[in-house]
Amino acid sequence: MSLLWPGFLILLLIVPFAIAVYIILLRRRKGFTVRYSSLSLVREAMSGNQSWWRRHLPFGLFMLALASLVIALGRPSATVSVPSNKATIILAIDVSRSMCSTDISPNRLEAAKDAAQFFVENHKSGRQIGVVAFAGFAELIQPPTTDVNALVDAIENLTTARRTAIGSAILRSIDALAEIDDRIAPSDISASPGTGSLPSPDQEVSPHIIVLLTDGASNAGPYPLTAAQQAVQRGIRIYTIGYGTANNTSPMNCGDRFEEFGGFPGFGFGFSPEPGGGQGFRREIDDVTLKQIADMTGGTYYLATSANELEEVFQNLPTYVIVTRETIEISVFFTAFAAALIILAMVLSLRWHPLH
């Protein structure tokens, strides 16, 4: 707890001053002597005396109430973690050519669409959801919204393209969050590579999360761990999903929805792989990198080898723990406490020392 106006605490000196005055008045009262003509009257008076604590408890309650009011004047505040109704979830979905694999029926892309749409339709928290699609580059196809129909349509219209740029997906997701939350800085494509580290306990953690689904290894765009480090610096957690079966040799079939683009603009056009990012076409999941991304950012890595497993992953995403740290003023609690003490002191005083 901290005080916004700590200077008001000097008023606490009133409490010891009031106690000193109270003690002086009690001593003066004892100095008066009263003569009684009968010893029986003395005994009656002694039996009628209140106990020590009954005589002094109301005054003690008044002093405690006074101290609580002084603290309230100092405007005490506390930093607490509260559920955020402004949190946003970015679904970054891989639409590379390998998503046409039929090892998951009818193919990986259609099964992923079904799971993502189910997640959107059954997400009851009221938080915004955005959709980023990535192949050779990443693009925000649906800005964060609570419009379920718009999200379902955006996911339904996903089409495939060449290459896989996991790093680009992370950076574009960060930018999508920065566009709606001015506390988050946009991504920096020129950032130097690094492994990053978890945010310190004192660092503010963003309530937003990124859910990244991919069935392959990055072979285009920025290095994934470099992009993940930028998420670490902004306190954004990334939950990664590795999707597909191991040692897959099944044919690929996306029907007429497959778009290769060739020399025309679209996914995979105009981007070249970063050195060390890998060349060629791969259909195996890069578990190591996905786990590192999740560990760096404080998220979790999931593996889904079937449509049912993928649906379970979406159902179990820990979006319920999305919280934000806020500083709230708690003066009202000290004021209410003081009021309760004053009322209690008055009631006890009138009951134990009734006015005649």
Protein backbone atom coordinates (compact mmCIF):
# COMPACT_ATOMS: atom_id res chain seq x y z
CA MET A 1 0.00 0.00 0.00
CA SER A 2 1.15 3.54 -0.77
CA LEU A 3 -0.19 7.03 -0.11
CA LEU A 4 -0.89 9.61 -2.80
CA TRP A 5 -0.89 12.44 -0.24
CA PRO A 6 1.48 11.24 2.52
CA GLY A 7 1.80 14.75 4.00
CA PHE A 8 -1.57 14.33 5.70
CA LEU A 9 -0.08 11.74 8.04
CA ILE A 10 1.20 14.60 10.18
CA LEU A 11 -2.40 14.89 11.41
CA LEU A 12 -1.87 11.61 13.25
CA LEU A 13 -0.22 13.73 15.96
CA ILE A 14 -3.76 14.67 16.97
CA VAL A 15 -4.25 11.16 18.36
CA PRO A 16 -1.51 11.20 21.05
CA PHE A 17 -2.45 14.81 21.89
CA ALA A 18 -6.09 13.79 22.42
CA ILE A 19 -5.03 10.82 24.56
CA ALA A 20 -2.85 13.12 26.71
CA VAL A 21 -5.77 15.52 27.24
CA TYR A 22 -8.01 12.58 28.14
CA ILE A 23 -5.57 11.33 30.77
CA ILE A 24 -5.20 14.82 32.30
CA LEU A 25 -8.98 15.17 32.58
CA LEU A 26 -9.25 11.79 34.28
CA ARG A 27 -6.62 12.72 36.85
CA ARG A 28 -8.32 16.02 37.62
CA ARG A 29 -11.57 14.18 38.12
CA LYS A 30 -9.99 11.90 40.67
CA GLY A 31 -8.81 14.95 42.63
CA PHE A 32 -12.33 15.84 43.65
CA THR A 33 -13.55 14.24 46.86
CA VAL A 34 -17.11 13.71 47.87
CA ARG A 35 -18.18 13.07 51.45
CA TYR A 36 -20.91 10.64 52.11
CA SER A 37 -22.98 10.56 55.24
CA SER A 38 -23.49 6.85 55.09
CA LEU A 39 -21.13 3.95 54.43
CA SER A 40 -23.95 2.13 52.66
CA LEU A 41 -24.05 4.85 50.04
CA VAL A 42 -20.34 4.33 49.37
CA ARG A 43 -20.85 0.60 48.87
CA GLU A 44 -23.75 1.27 46.49
CA ALA A 45 -21.66 3.70 44.46
CA MET A 46 -18.76 1.23 44.26
CA SER A 47 -21.00 -1.57 43.06
CA GLY A 48 -22.40 0.71 40.38
CA ASN A 49 -19.03 1.67 38.95
CA GLN A 50 -18.29 0.50 35.45
CA SER A 51 -15.27 -1.71 34.82
CA TRP A 52 -12.10 -0.12 33.51
CA TRP A 53 -12.54 -1.23 29.91
CA ARG A 54 -16.14 -0.10 29.79
CA ARG A 55 -15.07 3.35 30.83
CA HIS A 56 -12.27 3.69 28.30
CA LEU A 57 -13.28 1.50 25.34
CA PRO A 58 -15.55 4.09 23.62
CA PHE A 59 -12.78 6.68 23.76
CA GLY A 60 -10.31 4.14 22.35
CA LEU A 61 -12.67 3.40 19.47
CA PHE A 62 -12.99 7.13 18.73
CA MET A 63 -9.19 7.46 18.59
CA LEU A 64 -8.87 4.47 16.27
CA ALA A 65 -11.57 5.98 14.02
CA LEU A 66 -9.73 9.29 13.99
CA ALA A 67 -6.50 7.57 12.90
CA SER A 68 -8.37 5.74 10.13
CA LEU A 69 -9.84 9.02 8.87
CA VAL A 70 -6.40 10.63 8.78
CA ILE A 71 -5.05 7.71 6.72
CA ALA A 72 -8.04 8.09 4.37
CA LEU A 73 -7.08 11.75 3.88
CA GLY A 74 -3.67 10.53 2.69
CA ARG A 75 -5.45 8.70 -0.18
CA PRO A 76 -4.06 5.19 0.28
CA SER A 77 -3.76 3.11 -2.89
CA ALA A 78 -2.86 -0.47 -3.67
CA THR A 79 -1.70 -2.31 -6.79
CA VAL A 80 -3.85 -5.35 -7.38
CA SER A 81 -4.29 -7.94 -10.11
CA VAL A 82 -7.80 -7.88 -11.48
CA PRO A 83 -9.48 -9.66 -14.41
CA SER A 84 -9.20 -7.47 -17.47
CA ASN A 85 -12.23 -6.84 -19.66
CA LYS A 86 -9.96 -5.10 -22.18
CA ALA A 87 -7.75 -8.09 -22.90
CA THR A 88 -7.34 -9.14 -26.51
CA ILE A 89 -6.51 -12.54 -28.02
CA ILE A 90 -4.73 -12.68 -31.37
CA LEU A 91 -5.10 -15.95 -33.26
CA ALA A 92 -2.07 -16.31 -35.56
CA ILE A 93 -2.90 -19.15 -37.95
CA ASP A 94 -0.43 -20.80 -40.33
CA VAL A 95 -1.77 -20.95 -43.90
CA SER A 96 1.36 -22.33 -45.55
CA ARG A 97 1.08 -24.94 -48.28
CA SER A 98 1.71 -27.78 -45.82
CA MET A 99 -1.67 -27.03 -44.24
CA CYS A 100 -3.13 -28.83 -47.29
CA SER A 101 -1.85 -32.15 -45.90
CA THR A 102 -4.63 -34.72 -45.52
CA ASP A 103 -3.16 -36.57 -42.55
CA ILE A 104 -5.91 -34.78 -40.60
CA SER A 105 -9.22 -35.09 -42.42
CA PRO A 106 -10.29 -33.43 -44.65
CA ASN A 107 -7.02 -31.49 -44.43
CA ARG A 108 -5.12 -29.59 -41.77
CA LEU A 109 -6.42 -26.19 -42.78
CA GLU A 110 -10.11 -27.13 -42.72
CA ALA A 111 -9.74 -28.88 -39.36
CA ALA A 112 -7.91 -25.83 -37.98
CA LYS A 113 -10.68 -23.57 -39.25
CA ASP A 114 -13.31 -25.68 -37.51
CA ALA A 115 -11.41 -25.59 -34.20
CA ALA A 116 -10.76 -21.84 -34.40
CA GLN A 117 -14.39 -21.10 -35.29
CA PHE A 118 -15.59 -23.28 -32.43
CA PHE A 119 -13.30 -21.34 -30.09
CA VAL A 120 -14.63 -18.00 -31.34
CA GLU A 121 -18.27 -19.05 -31.12
CA ASN A 122 -17.92 -20.43 -27.59
CA HIS A 123 -15.66 -17.75 -26.16
CA LYS A 124 -17.87 -16.26 -23.45
CA SER A 125 -15.49 -13.81 -21.77
CA GLY A 126 -16.46 -10.93 -24.05
CA ARG A 127 -12.83 -10.16 -24.84
CA GLN A 128 -11.80 -9.04 -28.30
CA ILE A 129 -10.29 -11.53 -30.73
CA GLY A 130 -8.21 -10.74 -33.80
CA VAL A 131 -6.96 -13.03 -36.59
CA VAL A 132 -3.53 -12.96 -38.23
CA ALA A 133 -2.83 -15.29 -41.17
CA PHE A 134 0.76 -16.08 -42.11
CA ALA A 135 2.66 -17.97 -44.77
CA GLY A 136 5.68 -16.25 -46.39
CA PHE A 137 4.57 -13.08 -44.61
CA ALA A 138 1.87 -12.23 -42.07
CA GLU A 139 -1.22 -10.08 -42.40
CA LEU A 140 -3.98 -9.01 -40.03
CA ILE A 141 -7.13 -10.27 -41.76
CA GLN A 142 -9.50 -9.37 -38.93
CA PRO A 143 -8.73 -6.58 -36.44
CA PRO A 144 -9.65 -7.38 -32.83
CA THR A 145 -13.41 -7.42 -32.39
CA THR A 146 -16.22 -9.02 -30.40
CA ASP A 147 -18.25 -9.56 -33.59
CA VAL A 148 -18.46 -13.36 -33.77
CA ASN A 149 -19.85 -13.40 -37.30
CA ALA A 150 -16.98 -11.27 -38.63
CA LEU A 151 -14.44 -13.56 -36.96
CA VAL A 152 -16.08 -16.73 -38.30
CA ASP A 153 -16.14 -15.29 -41.83
CA ALA A 154 -12.49 -14.21 -41.65
CA ILE A 155 -11.42 -17.70 -40.55
CA GLU A 156 -13.60 -19.38 -43.19
CA ASN A 157 -11.96 -17.37 -45.97
CA LEU A 158 -8.40 -18.42 -45.12
CA THR A 159 -6.42 -19.69 -48.11
CA THR A 160 -2.95 -21.17 -48.40
CA ALA A 161 0.32 -19.84 -49.83
CA ARG A 162 4.04 -20.58 -49.92
CA ARG A 163 6.54 -20.67 -47.02
CA THR A 164 6.20 -20.20 -43.25
CA ALA A 165 7.18 -16.98 -41.47
CA ILE A 166 6.62 -17.56 -37.75
CA GLY A 167 8.65 -14.50 -36.76
CA SER A 168 6.54 -12.28 -39.04
CA ALA A 169 3.37 -13.70 -37.46
CA ILE A 170 4.56 -12.73 -33.99
CA LEU A 171 5.58 -9.21 -35.03
CA ARG A 172 2.32 -8.60 -36.89
CA SER A 173 0.37 -9.82 -33.87
CA ILE A 174 2.31 -7.40 -31.65
CA ASP A 175 1.48 -4.56 -34.06
CA ALA A 176 -2.21 -5.53 -34.01
CA LEU A 177 -2.18 -5.22 -30.22
CA ALA A 178 -0.25 -1.94 -30.36
CA GLU A 179 -2.95 -0.48 -32.62
CA ILE A 180 -5.59 -0.89 -29.90
CA ASP A 181 -3.47 -0.44 -26.76
CA ASP A 182 -1.13 2.58 -26.59
CA ARG A 183 0.75 0.96 -23.69
CA ILE A 184 2.26 -1.52 -26.16
CA ALA A 185 5.04 -0.34 -28.46
CA PRO A 186 4.92 -1.45 -32.13
CA SER A 187 7.36 -4.14 -33.21
CA ASP A 188 10.86 -3.26 -34.31
CA ILE A 189 12.03 -5.26 -37.31
CA SER A 190 15.60 -4.01 -36.80
CA ALA A 191 15.87 -5.42 -33.27
CA SER A 192 19.02 -7.46 -32.66
CA PRO A 193 18.70 -11.23 -32.16
CA GLY A 194 18.56 -12.54 -28.64
CA THR A 195 17.03 -15.21 -26.48
CA GLY A 196 15.08 -12.92 -24.16
CA SER A 197 14.00 -13.72 -20.63
CA LEU A 198 10.82 -13.84 -18.62
CA PRO A 199 9.54 -10.50 -17.33
CA SER A 200 10.70 -9.66 -13.81
CA PRO A 201 8.08 -9.76 -11.02
CA ASP A 202 7.98 -5.94 -11.00
CA GLN A 203 7.48 -5.68 -14.77
CA GLU A 204 3.92 -5.10 -15.89
CA VAL A 205 2.53 -8.08 -17.77
CA SER A 206 0.18 -7.28 -20.64
CA PRO A 207 -3.31 -8.79 -20.36
CA HIS A 208 -3.19 -9.61 -24.09
CA ILE A 209 -2.04 -12.97 -25.46
CA ILE A 210 -1.06 -14.42 -28.83
CA VAL A 211 -2.12 -17.94 -29.83
CA LEU A 212 0.15 -19.14 -32.64
CA LEU A 213 -0.77 -22.27 -34.59
CA THR A 214 1.67 -23.78 -37.09
CA ASP A 215 2.38 -27.15 -38.65
CA GLY A 216 5.94 -26.52 -39.77
CA ALA A 217 9.24 -24.73 -39.27
CA SER A 218 10.01 -21.13 -40.06
CA ASN A 219 11.70 -20.68 -43.46
CA ALA A 220 10.98 -17.02 -44.17
CA GLY A 221 10.90 -13.67 -42.44
CA PRO A 222 12.54 -12.67 -39.14
CA TYR A 223 14.06 -15.25 -36.84
CA PRO A 224 11.23 -16.52 -34.55
CA LEU A 225 13.16 -16.15 -31.28
CA THR A 226 14.11 -12.57 -32.17
CA ALA A 227 10.44 -11.78 -32.67
CA ALA A 228 9.53 -13.62 -29.45
CA GLN A 229 12.03 -11.48 -27.55
CA GLN A 230 10.04 -8.41 -28.54
CA ALA A 231 6.93 -10.03 -27.07
CA VAL A 232 8.90 -10.62 -23.86
CA GLN A 233 9.90 -6.96 -23.71
CA ARG A 234 6.22 -5.98 -23.94
CA GLY A 235 5.00 -8.55 -21.41
CA ILE A 236 2.93 -10.40 -24.03
CA ARG A 237 2.50 -14.15 -23.57
CA ILE A 238 2.52 -16.46 -26.58
CA TYR A 239 0.80 -19.84 -26.52
CA THR A 240 2.12 -22.01 -29.34
CA ILE A 241 0.37 -24.96 -30.97
CA GLY A 242 2.28 -27.54 -33.01
CA TYR A 243 -0.23 -29.08 -35.39
CA GLY A 244 0.02 -32.25 -37.48
CA THR A 245 1.21 -35.85 -37.35
CA ALA A 246 4.84 -36.96 -37.23
CA ASN A 247 6.59 -38.35 -40.31
CA ASN A 248 3.73 -37.21 -42.50
CA THR A 249 3.73 -38.56 -46.07
CA SER A 250 0.05 -38.00 -46.86
CA PRO A 251 -0.93 -36.17 -50.07
CA MET A 252 -1.88 -32.51 -50.05
CA ASN A 253 -5.30 -31.38 -51.16
CA CYS A 254 -6.84 -27.97 -50.61
CA GLY A 255 -9.04 -28.24 -53.68
CA ASP A 256 -9.70 -25.01 -55.52
CA ARG A 257 -8.95 -23.02 -52.38
CA PHE A 258 -5.19 -23.46 -52.81
CA GLU A 259 -3.53 -20.29 -54.08
CA GLU A 260 0.10 -20.51 -55.06
CA PHE A 261 0.26 -16.88 -56.23
CA GLY A 262 3.45 -17.35 -58.27
CA GLY A 263 4.63 -13.87 -59.24
CA PHE A 264 1.50 -12.12 -58.07
CA PRO A 265 1.07 -10.37 -54.74
CA GLY A 266 -0.05 -12.58 -51.92
CA PHE A 267 1.30 -14.83 -49.20
CA GLY A 268 4.87 -15.76 -49.95
CA PHE A 269 5.51 -12.98 -52.48
CA GLY A 270 8.57 -10.76 -52.15
CA PHE A 271 10.02 -12.29 -48.95
CA SER A 272 13.27 -14.18 -48.66
CA PRO A 273 14.32 -16.46 -45.82
CA GLU A 274 16.56 -15.02 -43.13
CA PRO A 275 20.00 -16.63 -42.98
CA GLY A 276 19.79 -19.53 -40.59
CA GLY A 277 16.01 -19.63 -40.88
CA GLY A 278 16.08 -22.64 -43.18
CA GLN A 279 15.50 -23.15 -46.90
CA GLY A 280 13.14 -25.38 -48.81
CA PHE A 281 9.82 -26.96 -47.91
CA ARG A 282 9.38 -28.77 -44.59
CA ARG A 283 6.34 -30.59 -43.29
CA GLU A 284 7.54 -31.38 -39.76
CA ILE A 285 6.83 -29.32 -36.65
CA ASP A 286 9.72 -27.38 -35.13
CA ASP A 287 8.89 -28.39 -31.54
CA VAL A 288 12.10 -26.96 -30.13
CA THR A 289 11.49 -23.43 -31.41
CA LEU A 290 7.81 -23.45 -30.46
CA LYS A 291 8.64 -24.55 -26.92
CA GLN A 292 11.31 -21.86 -26.64
CA ILE A 293 8.86 -19.18 -27.79
CA ALA A 294 6.29 -20.28 -25.21
CA ASP A 295 8.86 -20.57 -22.40
CA MET A 296 10.41 -17.18 -23.15
CA THR A 297 7.11 -15.34 -23.04
CA GLY A 298 5.48 -17.19 -20.15
CA GLY A 299 3.04 -19.12 -22.35
CA THR A 300 2.58 -22.84 -22.97
CA TYR A 301 3.36 -25.16 -25.87
CA TYR A 302 0.67 -27.60 -27.02
CA LEU A 303 0.91 -30.47 -29.51
CA ALA A 304 -2.17 -31.46 -31.50
CA THR A 305 -2.00 -34.46 -33.85
CA SER A 306 -5.70 -34.69 -34.65
CA ALA A 307 -8.76 -32.50 -35.09
CA ASN A 308 -10.11 -33.58 -31.68
CA GLU A 309 -6.83 -32.78 -29.96
CA LEU A 310 -6.72 -29.36 -31.61
CA GLU A 311 -10.27 -28.61 -30.46
CA GLU A 312 -9.30 -29.63 -26.92
CA VAL A 313 -6.29 -27.32 -27.05
CA PHE A 314 -8.49 -24.36 -27.98
CA GLN A 315 -10.94 -25.27 -25.24
CA ASN A 316 -8.16 -25.44 -22.64
CA LEU A 317 -6.38 -22.21 -23.54
CA PRO A 318 -5.88 -20.44 -20.18
CA THR A 319 -7.57 -17.21 -21.22
CA TYR A 320 -9.33 -17.19 -17.85
CA VAL A 321 -6.08 -16.16 -16.12
CA ILE A 322 -5.75 -13.00 -18.15
CA VAL A 323 -5.29 -10.30 -15.54
CA THR A 324 -3.94 -6.80 -15.43
CA ARG A 325 -2.27 -4.91 -12.60
CA GLU A 326 -4.10 -1.76 -11.62
CA THR A 327 -3.52 0.85 -8.94
CA ILE A 328 -6.76 1.62 -7.14
CA GLU A 329 -7.47 4.09 -4.35
CA ILE A 330 -8.79 2.44 -1.18
CA SER A 331 -9.62 5.53 0.89
CA VAL A 332 -13.26 4.47 1.00
CA PHE A 333 -12.39 1.38 3.04
CA PHE A 334 -10.62 3.43 5.72
CA THR A 335 -13.50 5.92 5.78
CA ALA A 336 -16.08 3.16 6.12
CA PHE A 337 -14.01 1.52 8.87
CA ALA A 338 -13.84 4.84 10.75
CA ALA A 339 -17.60 5.36 10.42
CA ALA A 340 -18.29 1.87 11.77
CA LEU A 341 -16.00 2.51 14.77
CA ILE A 342 -17.67 5.85 15.55
CA ILE A 343 -21.14 4.30 15.46
CA LEU A 344 -20.00 1.43 17.68
CA ALA A 345 -18.38 3.83 20.16
CA MET A 346 -21.55 5.93 20.36
CA VAL A 347 -23.77 2.90 20.91
CA LEU A 348 -21.54 1.51 23.67
CA SER A 349 -21.16 4.89 25.31
CA LEU A 350 -24.94 5.48 25.43
CA ARG A 351 -25.57 1.98 26.69
CA TRP A 352 -22.94 1.95 29.40
CA HIS A 353 -23.21 5.64 30.33
CA PRO A 354 -26.83 6.62 29.65
CA LEU A 355 -27.81 10.28 29.82
CA HIS A 356 -30.22 11.16 32.62
